[in-house]
Amino acid sequence: MTPTAVGDGNSRARARWLLWALGTAVFMVNLDSRVIAPLLPTLADELGVSLARSAWLVSGYLLPYGLCQVLFGPLADRYGKINVCSHAMAAFSVGTACTALWPSFEAILVMRVLTGATAAGLIPLTLAYIGDTVPYERRQATLGAVMAAGGAAQALSTGLGGSIAAVFSWRAVFPCLGVLALVTTLGVYVLGRHERQRPTFSGPRPSYRAVLAAPGFRPLLALVASEGFLFTGGFSYLSGLLEARFGLNALGIGLVLSLTGVTQLATAALLSRILRRTSERRLLAVGGGLLGAAYLSCAAAPHPALVTCACGLLGCGFVLCHTTLQTRATEAFPGGRGTAIALFAFSLFLGSGTGTALLGVALERVGFTPLYVLVGASLWVFTLITVRVVGQP
């Protein structure tokens, strides 16, 4: 992650360290949001709710995460991206640490809602900061490095969450994450103090109407919402499939799902080389095609090894597809990048939360096999549309 900071060597070094600190914050947010996936069957059993209802903890995090983008984006354009990030990260740390203190499902759901709302100020504003400091030709590789942090978090979170739940209790997971997030908060605060002292955007603040009127931006929002609906909605129930079809426990589920994060990390690490050899159109086609193939292979998988391979394809496909959409979003409205990226993230997580909720309803009615046939086929349709609308030869 290399910013194009203007100024002396010390300024550039500070900017690099700040990007690393922000990448660590992205890691913590992804760790918290994804750690819940392998715990859903355990949570459902202990709290006396169905698997579909336990998945409200996923939607309860993602929906406020998406909705609160409309608040944090304009705040960042007015008060500074790093300033808003620092305060949001502090609130996120406290919320995460307190999640497991409550005995009832409803109270835990409320904490996930609050934590998701505060986490909304981290990842999109980090992406907007990268848009401000990294030129377009190097931006997708830098965004890929941020996604690598997310991939590493997913690789660790699913295995770590499952391990802690198996050895201790799922309630031990969140206090540990809260303490680590607080340490990260201190790093962002200290390293970002020079950014917070800079003048903020002084011209007329961009309105959402102006951002939405940017050429090609509304189709981009619809596409990323569809991506979130299908990718995250489908991923949320892989833990249930692994338990119901193969009898895996939380540890086994976590290890299988962690391959998604491992391949995200590996693909993101190779992204700068891939970008030198291929076009955005091809990245979208290959990435979306892999996502669809992965879920279709889960539909009637006879062995957990096939689901494990599918998780690997999911991680690779998501990086190739999503970073391309993400890079386009950072350039959609440079005069109000914080607001534009906030709308982009709003659409992604609104789609993700809605997809988790609605696909849970579908799961209870039709079962795992028809559900994953539907998701996989829909992702191939999504890919065809995306390549046509967004991709460039």
Protein backbone atom coordinates (compact mmCIF):
# COMPACT_ATOMS: atom_id res chain seq x y z
CA MET A 1 0.00 0.00 0.00
CA THR A 2 1.91 3.00 -1.31
CA PRO A 3 0.31 6.45 -1.25
CA THR A 4 1.41 9.26 -3.50
CA ALA A 5 1.95 11.67 -0.69
CA VAL A 6 3.25 15.08 -1.65
CA GLY A 7 5.99 16.48 0.50
CA ASP A 8 9.15 15.31 2.23
CA GLY A 9 10.19 11.76 3.04
CA ASN A 10 8.73 11.99 6.53
CA SER A 11 5.31 12.86 5.11
CA ARG A 12 5.40 9.92 2.73
CA ALA A 13 6.54 7.58 5.48
CA ARG A 14 3.71 8.78 7.76
CA ALA A 15 1.23 8.23 4.95
CA ARG A 16 2.50 4.69 4.39
CA TRP A 17 2.29 3.84 8.08
CA LEU A 18 -1.18 5.33 8.26
CA LEU A 19 -2.30 3.14 5.37
CA TRP A 20 -0.94 0.10 7.22
CA ALA A 21 -2.83 1.16 10.35
CA LEU A 22 -6.02 1.59 8.32
CA GLY A 23 -5.42 -1.81 6.75
CA THR A 24 -5.21 -3.26 10.26
CA ALA A 25 -8.51 -1.56 11.12
CA VAL A 26 -10.05 -3.12 8.01
CA PHE A 27 -8.69 -6.46 9.20
CA MET A 28 -10.38 -6.04 12.59
CA VAL A 29 -13.73 -5.02 11.11
CA ASN A 30 -13.68 -8.02 8.77
CA LEU A 31 -12.60 -10.27 11.62
CA ASP A 32 -15.60 -9.17 13.66
CA SER A 33 -18.13 -9.32 10.85
CA ARG A 34 -17.07 -12.74 9.55
CA VAL A 35 -16.38 -14.52 12.83
CA ILE A 36 -20.12 -15.05 13.30
CA ALA A 37 -20.54 -17.37 10.28
CA PRO A 38 -19.13 -20.61 11.78
CA LEU A 39 -20.80 -19.84 15.13
CA LEU A 40 -24.38 -19.72 13.81
CA PRO A 41 -25.26 -23.38 14.45
CA THR A 42 -23.77 -23.18 17.98
CA LEU A 43 -25.56 -19.91 18.70
CA ALA A 44 -28.85 -21.30 17.42
CA ASP A 45 -28.58 -24.35 19.73
CA GLU A 46 -27.54 -22.41 22.85
CA LEU A 47 -30.01 -19.54 22.43
CA GLY A 48 -32.91 -21.75 21.35
CA VAL A 49 -33.56 -20.23 17.92
CA SER A 50 -33.64 -21.65 14.38
CA LEU A 51 -30.64 -21.42 12.06
CA ALA A 52 -32.49 -18.94 9.84
CA ARG A 53 -33.28 -16.75 12.85
CA SER A 54 -29.72 -16.93 14.15
CA ALA A 55 -28.65 -15.53 10.76
CA TRP A 56 -30.40 -12.31 11.80
CA LEU A 57 -27.11 -11.66 13.61
CA VAL A 58 -25.51 -11.43 10.17
CA SER A 59 -28.24 -9.20 8.73
CA GLY A 60 -28.37 -7.23 11.99
CA TYR A 61 -24.75 -6.31 11.46
CA LEU A 62 -24.78 -5.76 7.71
CA LEU A 63 -27.98 -3.73 7.34
CA PRO A 64 -27.01 -0.93 9.78
CA TYR A 65 -23.51 -1.11 8.35
CA GLY A 66 -24.96 -0.28 4.96
CA LEU A 67 -27.54 2.22 6.17
CA CYS A 68 -25.05 4.24 8.21
CA GLN A 69 -22.86 4.84 5.17
CA VAL A 70 -25.21 7.69 4.30
CA LEU A 71 -24.19 9.32 7.59
CA PHE A 72 -20.45 8.67 7.61
CA GLY A 73 -19.75 9.65 3.99
CA PRO A 74 -20.82 13.30 4.27
CA LEU A 75 -19.28 13.54 7.76
CA ALA A 76 -15.96 12.41 6.29
CA ASP A 77 -16.13 14.95 3.47
CA ARG A 78 -16.82 17.66 6.04
CA TYR A 79 -14.62 16.73 9.03
CA GLY A 80 -11.95 14.57 7.44
CA LYS A 81 -11.81 10.87 6.68
CA ILE A 82 -9.17 9.98 9.28
CA ASN A 83 -10.86 11.98 12.02
CA VAL A 84 -14.17 10.17 11.48
CA CYS A 85 -12.39 6.80 11.18
CA SER A 86 -10.69 7.27 14.56
CA HIS A 87 -13.91 7.97 16.43
CA ALA A 88 -15.85 5.23 14.66
CA MET A 89 -13.14 2.68 15.45
CA ALA A 90 -13.24 3.57 19.14
CA ALA A 91 -17.00 3.00 19.30
CA PHE A 92 -16.65 -0.21 17.29
CA SER A 93 -14.08 -1.57 19.77
CA VAL A 94 -16.35 -1.02 22.76
CA GLY A 95 -19.38 -2.49 20.99
CA THR A 96 -17.51 -5.62 19.96
CA ALA A 97 -16.15 -6.23 23.45
CA CYS A 98 -19.65 -5.99 24.95
CA THR A 99 -21.47 -8.21 22.43
CA ALA A 100 -21.32 -11.48 24.39
CA LEU A 101 -22.17 -10.02 27.82
CA TRP A 102 -25.92 -10.48 27.30
CA PRO A 103 -27.91 -13.69 27.93
CA SER A 104 -30.66 -13.37 25.31
CA PHE A 105 -30.68 -13.56 21.53
CA GLU A 106 -32.52 -10.23 21.28
CA ALA A 107 -29.92 -8.36 23.36
CA ILE A 108 -27.06 -9.85 21.36
CA LEU A 109 -28.85 -8.82 18.17
CA VAL A 110 -29.08 -5.24 19.44
CA MET A 111 -25.33 -5.21 20.11
CA ARG A 112 -24.61 -6.52 16.63
CA VAL A 113 -26.79 -3.76 15.20
CA LEU A 114 -24.89 -1.09 17.16
CA THR A 115 -21.51 -2.59 16.27
CA GLY A 116 -22.41 -2.75 12.60
CA ALA A 117 -23.50 0.89 12.69
CA THR A 118 -20.16 2.06 14.11
CA ALA A 119 -18.11 -0.24 11.85
CA ALA A 120 -19.66 1.61 8.90
CA GLY A 121 -17.12 4.40 9.35
CA LEU A 122 -14.04 2.24 8.72
CA ILE A 123 -13.76 0.40 5.42
CA PRO A 124 -15.50 2.85 3.02
CA LEU A 125 -13.58 5.84 4.36
CA THR A 126 -10.33 3.89 4.06
CA LEU A 127 -11.19 3.23 0.41
CA ALA A 128 -11.99 6.92 -0.08
CA TYR A 129 -8.66 7.88 1.53
CA ILE A 130 -6.88 5.57 -0.91
CA GLY A 131 -8.79 7.24 -3.73
CA ASP A 132 -7.45 10.59 -2.51
CA THR A 133 -3.82 9.47 -2.23
CA VAL A 134 -3.18 6.77 -4.85
CA PRO A 135 -3.38 7.35 -8.65
CA TYR A 136 -5.88 5.30 -10.67
CA GLU A 137 -3.26 3.11 -12.37
CA ARG A 138 -2.06 1.80 -8.98
CA ARG A 139 -5.34 2.08 -7.12
CA GLN A 140 -6.80 -1.37 -7.80
CA ALA A 141 -3.60 -3.03 -6.58
CA THR A 142 -3.73 -0.90 -3.41
CA LEU A 143 -7.39 -1.71 -2.93
CA GLY A 144 -6.39 -5.33 -3.44
CA ALA A 145 -3.97 -4.99 -0.54
CA VAL A 146 -6.85 -3.76 1.62
CA MET A 147 -8.88 -6.73 0.46
CA ALA A 148 -5.92 -8.91 1.40
CA ALA A 149 -6.37 -7.65 4.94
CA GLY A 150 -10.02 -8.61 4.69
CA GLY A 151 -9.08 -11.99 3.26
CA ALA A 152 -6.59 -12.62 6.03
CA ALA A 153 -9.29 -11.71 8.52
CA GLN A 154 -11.71 -14.16 6.95
CA ALA A 155 -9.09 -16.90 6.84
CA LEU A 156 -8.32 -16.35 10.52
CA SER A 157 -11.78 -15.47 11.79
CA THR A 158 -13.66 -18.55 10.70
CA GLY A 159 -10.98 -20.89 12.02
CA LEU A 160 -10.33 -18.81 15.13
CA GLY A 161 -14.00 -18.38 15.94
CA GLY A 162 -14.66 -22.07 15.50
CA SER A 163 -11.62 -23.01 17.59
CA ILE A 164 -12.50 -20.73 20.50
CA ALA A 165 -16.10 -21.90 20.41
CA ALA A 166 -14.99 -25.55 20.43
CA VAL A 167 -12.41 -25.16 23.22
CA PHE A 168 -14.03 -22.48 25.39
CA SER A 169 -17.27 -20.79 24.36
CA TRP A 170 -18.48 -18.54 21.60
CA ARG A 171 -18.89 -15.86 24.27
CA ALA A 172 -15.10 -15.66 24.63
CA VAL A 173 -14.68 -14.58 20.99
CA PHE A 174 -15.97 -11.02 21.15
CA PRO A 175 -14.10 -9.66 24.21
CA CYS A 176 -10.84 -10.81 22.60
CA LEU A 177 -11.70 -9.03 19.37
CA GLY A 178 -12.72 -5.89 21.25
CA VAL A 179 -9.34 -5.61 22.99
CA LEU A 180 -7.45 -6.11 19.71
CA ALA A 181 -9.65 -3.51 18.01
CA LEU A 182 -8.89 -1.01 20.77
CA VAL A 183 -5.14 -1.43 20.20
CA THR A 184 -5.72 -0.81 16.49
CA THR A 185 -7.77 2.29 17.32
CA LEU A 186 -4.84 3.77 19.21
CA GLY A 187 -2.59 3.16 16.20
CA VAL A 188 -4.96 4.92 13.79
CA TYR A 189 -5.38 7.81 16.22
CA VAL A 190 -1.64 8.36 16.72
CA LEU A 191 -0.56 7.88 13.11
CA GLY A 192 -3.45 9.94 11.76
CA ARG A 193 -2.93 13.02 13.92
CA HIS A 194 -1.31 14.97 11.05
CA GLU A 195 -4.18 14.13 8.70
CA ARG A 196 -6.69 15.35 11.28
CA GLN A 197 -4.92 18.71 11.40
CA ARG A 198 -5.29 19.32 7.67
CA PRO A 199 -8.05 21.61 6.39
CA THR A 200 -11.14 19.72 5.39
CA PHE A 201 -13.05 20.05 2.14
CA SER A 202 -13.93 23.75 1.95
CA GLY A 203 -16.03 24.03 -1.19
CA PRO A 204 -19.74 23.32 -1.52
CA ARG A 205 -20.30 19.91 0.01
CA PRO A 206 -21.52 17.40 -2.59
CA SER A 207 -25.11 16.31 -2.25
CA TYR A 208 -26.28 12.76 -2.72
CA ARG A 209 -28.30 13.98 -5.69
CA ALA A 210 -25.14 15.26 -7.38
CA VAL A 211 -23.26 12.02 -6.69
CA LEU A 212 -26.12 9.88 -7.99
CA ALA A 213 -26.20 11.97 -11.15
CA ALA A 214 -22.58 11.05 -11.96
CA PRO A 215 -22.41 9.13 -15.29
CA GLY A 216 -22.65 5.38 -14.81
CA PHE A 217 -22.81 5.51 -11.02
CA ARG A 218 -26.36 4.30 -10.46
CA PRO A 219 -25.86 1.10 -12.51
CA LEU A 220 -22.68 0.50 -10.51
CA LEU A 221 -24.68 0.76 -7.26
CA ALA A 222 -27.28 -1.71 -8.54
CA LEU A 223 -24.55 -4.17 -9.54
CA VAL A 224 -22.71 -4.09 -6.24
CA ALA A 225 -26.00 -4.50 -4.35
CA SER A 226 -26.72 -7.61 -6.44
CA GLU A 227 -23.21 -8.90 -5.79
CA GLY A 228 -23.68 -8.51 -2.04
CA PHE A 229 -27.14 -10.10 -2.14
CA LEU A 230 -25.89 -13.24 -3.88
CA PHE A 231 -22.35 -13.65 -2.57
CA THR A 232 -22.90 -12.85 1.10
CA GLY A 233 -26.42 -14.26 1.21
CA GLY A 234 -25.15 -17.58 -0.10
CA PHE A 235 -22.04 -17.64 2.09
CA SER A 236 -24.07 -17.10 5.27
CA TYR A 237 -25.65 -20.56 4.99
CA LEU A 238 -22.62 -22.64 4.07
CA SER A 239 -22.09 -23.29 7.79
CA GLY A 240 -25.61 -24.70 8.03
CA LEU A 241 -25.04 -26.86 4.94
CA LEU A 242 -21.80 -28.27 6.38
CA GLU A 243 -23.50 -29.13 9.67
CA ALA A 244 -26.73 -30.54 8.22
CA ARG A 245 -25.24 -32.51 5.33
CA PHE A 246 -21.90 -33.65 6.76
CA GLY A 247 -22.26 -33.26 10.54
CA LEU A 248 -19.26 -30.94 10.97
CA ASN A 249 -18.83 -29.09 14.26
CA ALA A 250 -17.91 -25.40 14.70
CA LEU A 251 -14.18 -26.09 14.36
CA GLY A 252 -14.58 -28.11 11.15
CA ILE A 253 -16.94 -25.53 9.68
CA GLY A 254 -14.53 -22.74 10.51
CA LEU A 255 -11.62 -24.52 8.84
CA VAL A 256 -13.60 -25.15 5.64
CA LEU A 257 -14.89 -21.58 5.40
CA SER A 258 -11.45 -20.17 6.15
CA LEU A 259 -10.24 -21.25 2.71
CA THR A 260 -12.31 -18.41 1.27
CA GLY A 261 -10.14 -15.97 3.18
CA VAL A 262 -6.93 -17.78 2.25
CA THR A 263 -7.66 -17.53 -1.47
CA GLN A 264 -8.78 -13.92 -1.08
CA LEU A 265 -5.41 -13.20 0.48
CA ALA A 266 -3.48 -15.08 -2.21
CA THR A 267 -5.42 -13.52 -5.10
CA ALA A 268 -5.06 -10.02 -3.65
CA ALA A 269 -1.32 -10.56 -3.30
CA LEU A 270 -1.11 -11.47 -7.00
CA LEU A 271 -3.50 -8.76 -8.18
CA SER A 272 -0.87 -6.24 -9.26
CA ARG A 273 0.68 -8.88 -11.57
CA ILE A 274 -2.71 -9.96 -12.88
CA LEU A 275 -3.63 -6.36 -13.69
CA ARG A 276 -0.56 -5.98 -15.90
CA ARG A 277 -1.72 -8.87 -18.09
CA THR A 278 -5.48 -8.60 -18.38
CA SER A 279 -8.39 -6.20 -18.76
CA GLU A 280 -11.14 -5.16 -16.38
CA ARG A 281 -13.66 -6.95 -18.59
CA ARG A 282 -11.82 -10.23 -18.19
CA LEU A 283 -11.43 -9.78 -14.44
CA LEU A 284 -15.19 -9.32 -14.12
CA ALA A 285 -15.94 -12.31 -16.34
CA VAL A 286 -13.56 -14.68 -14.60
CA GLY A 287 -14.41 -13.48 -11.10
CA GLY A 288 -18.17 -13.68 -11.53
CA GLY A 289 -17.91 -17.00 -13.34
CA LEU A 290 -15.95 -18.50 -10.44
CA LEU A 291 -18.53 -17.27 -7.93
CA GLY A 292 -21.38 -18.90 -9.83
CA ALA A 293 -19.48 -22.16 -10.32
CA ALA A 294 -18.61 -22.32 -6.62
CA TYR A 295 -22.20 -22.10 -5.42
CA LEU A 296 -23.47 -24.50 -8.06
CA SER A 297 -20.91 -27.06 -6.89
CA CYS A 298 -22.21 -26.66 -3.33
CA ALA A 299 -25.77 -27.43 -4.40
CA ALA A 300 -25.38 -31.21 -4.40
CA ALA A 301 -21.85 -31.63 -3.00
CA PRO A 302 -21.48 -35.27 -1.86
CA HIS A 303 -18.42 -34.60 0.29
CA PRO A 304 -17.14 -31.63 2.36
CA ALA A 305 -14.00 -31.57 0.20
CA LEU A 306 -16.08 -30.21 -2.69
CA VAL A 307 -17.47 -27.44 -0.49
CA THR A 308 -13.91 -26.70 0.62
CA CYS A 309 -12.81 -26.31 -3.02
CA ALA A 310 -15.86 -24.12 -3.64
CA CYS A 311 -14.81 -21.84 -0.77
CA GLY A 312 -11.43 -21.44 -2.46
CA LEU A 313 -13.13 -20.40 -5.70
CA LEU A 314 -15.34 -17.93 -3.80
CA GLY A 315 -12.35 -16.10 -2.36
CA CYS A 316 -10.58 -15.81 -5.70
CA GLY A 317 -13.70 -14.84 -7.64
CA PHE A 318 -14.77 -12.19 -5.16
CA VAL A 319 -11.42 -10.39 -5.25
CA LEU A 320 -11.31 -10.31 -9.05
CA CYS A 321 -14.89 -9.10 -9.41
CA HIS A 322 -15.28 -6.80 -6.43
CA THR A 323 -11.99 -4.88 -6.69
CA THR A 324 -12.88 -3.94 -10.26
CA LEU A 325 -16.24 -2.52 -9.17
CA GLN A 326 -14.57 -0.89 -6.17
CA THR A 327 -11.90 0.83 -8.27
CA ARG A 328 -14.54 2.25 -10.60
CA ALA A 329 -16.43 3.59 -7.58
CA THR A 330 -13.40 5.50 -6.28
CA GLU A 331 -13.27 7.45 -9.54
CA ALA A 332 -17.01 7.97 -10.00
CA PHE A 333 -17.16 11.34 -8.20
CA PRO A 334 -13.68 12.61 -7.17
CA GLY A 335 -15.09 15.87 -5.80
CA GLY A 336 -16.96 14.02 -3.07
CA ARG A 337 -15.22 10.68 -2.86
CA GLY A 338 -16.26 10.01 0.73
CA THR A 339 -19.93 10.44 -0.16
CA ALA A 340 -19.59 8.35 -3.33
CA ILE A 341 -17.83 5.45 -1.60
CA ALA A 342 -20.37 5.65 1.22
CA LEU A 343 -23.18 5.10 -1.30
CA PHE A 344 -21.23 2.25 -2.87
CA ALA A 345 -20.76 0.54 0.50
CA PHE A 346 -24.36 1.28 1.44
CA SER A 347 -25.51 -0.58 -1.66
CA LEU A 348 -23.15 -3.51 -1.06
CA PHE A 349 -24.14 -4.10 2.53
CA LEU A 350 -27.80 -3.36 2.01
CA GLY A 351 -27.74 -6.07 -0.63
CA SER A 352 -25.73 -8.37 1.66
CA GLY A 353 -28.06 -7.98 4.63
CA THR A 354 -31.18 -8.30 2.51
CA GLY A 355 -29.77 -11.33 0.73
CA THR A 356 -28.98 -13.09 4.00
CA ALA A 357 -32.49 -12.46 5.30
CA LEU A 358 -34.41 -13.40 2.14
CA LEU A 359 -32.28 -16.40 1.25
CA GLY A 360 -32.83 -17.64 4.80
CA VAL A 361 -36.57 -17.60 4.13
CA ALA A 362 -35.98 -19.45 0.86
CA LEU A 363 -33.77 -22.00 2.62
CA GLU A 364 -36.53 -22.92 5.07
CA ARG A 365 -38.95 -23.49 2.19
CA VAL A 366 -36.84 -25.27 -0.46
CA GLY A 367 -33.68 -26.58 1.25
CA PHE A 368 -29.97 -26.25 0.46
CA THR A 369 -29.78 -27.80 -3.02
CA PRO A 370 -32.37 -25.57 -4.79
CA LEU A 371 -31.07 -22.55 -2.90
CA TYR A 372 -27.51 -22.92 -4.17
CA VAL A 373 -28.65 -23.75 -7.69
CA LEU A 374 -30.57 -20.46 -7.66
CA VAL A 375 -27.65 -18.46 -6.24
CA GLY A 376 -25.07 -19.95 -8.62
CA ALA A 377 -27.19 -19.46 -11.73
CA SER A 378 -28.08 -15.91 -10.65
CA LEU A 379 -24.39 -15.09 -10.25
CA TRP A 380 -23.74 -16.14 -13.84
CA VAL A 381 -26.54 -13.86 -15.02
CA PHE A 382 -25.06 -11.11 -12.83
CA THR A 383 -21.67 -11.67 -14.50
CA LEU A 384 -23.06 -11.32 -18.02
CA ILE A 385 -24.79 -8.07 -17.10
CA THR A 386 -21.78 -6.68 -15.24
CA VAL A 387 -19.34 -7.36 -18.08
CA ARG A 388 -21.69 -5.60 -20.47
CA VAL A 389 -22.38 -2.57 -18.25
CA VAL A 390 -19.03 -2.01 -16.54
CA GLY A 391 -16.29 -3.92 -18.33
CA GLN A 392 -14.00 -2.28 -20.84
CA PRO A 393 -12.14 -4.20 -23.53
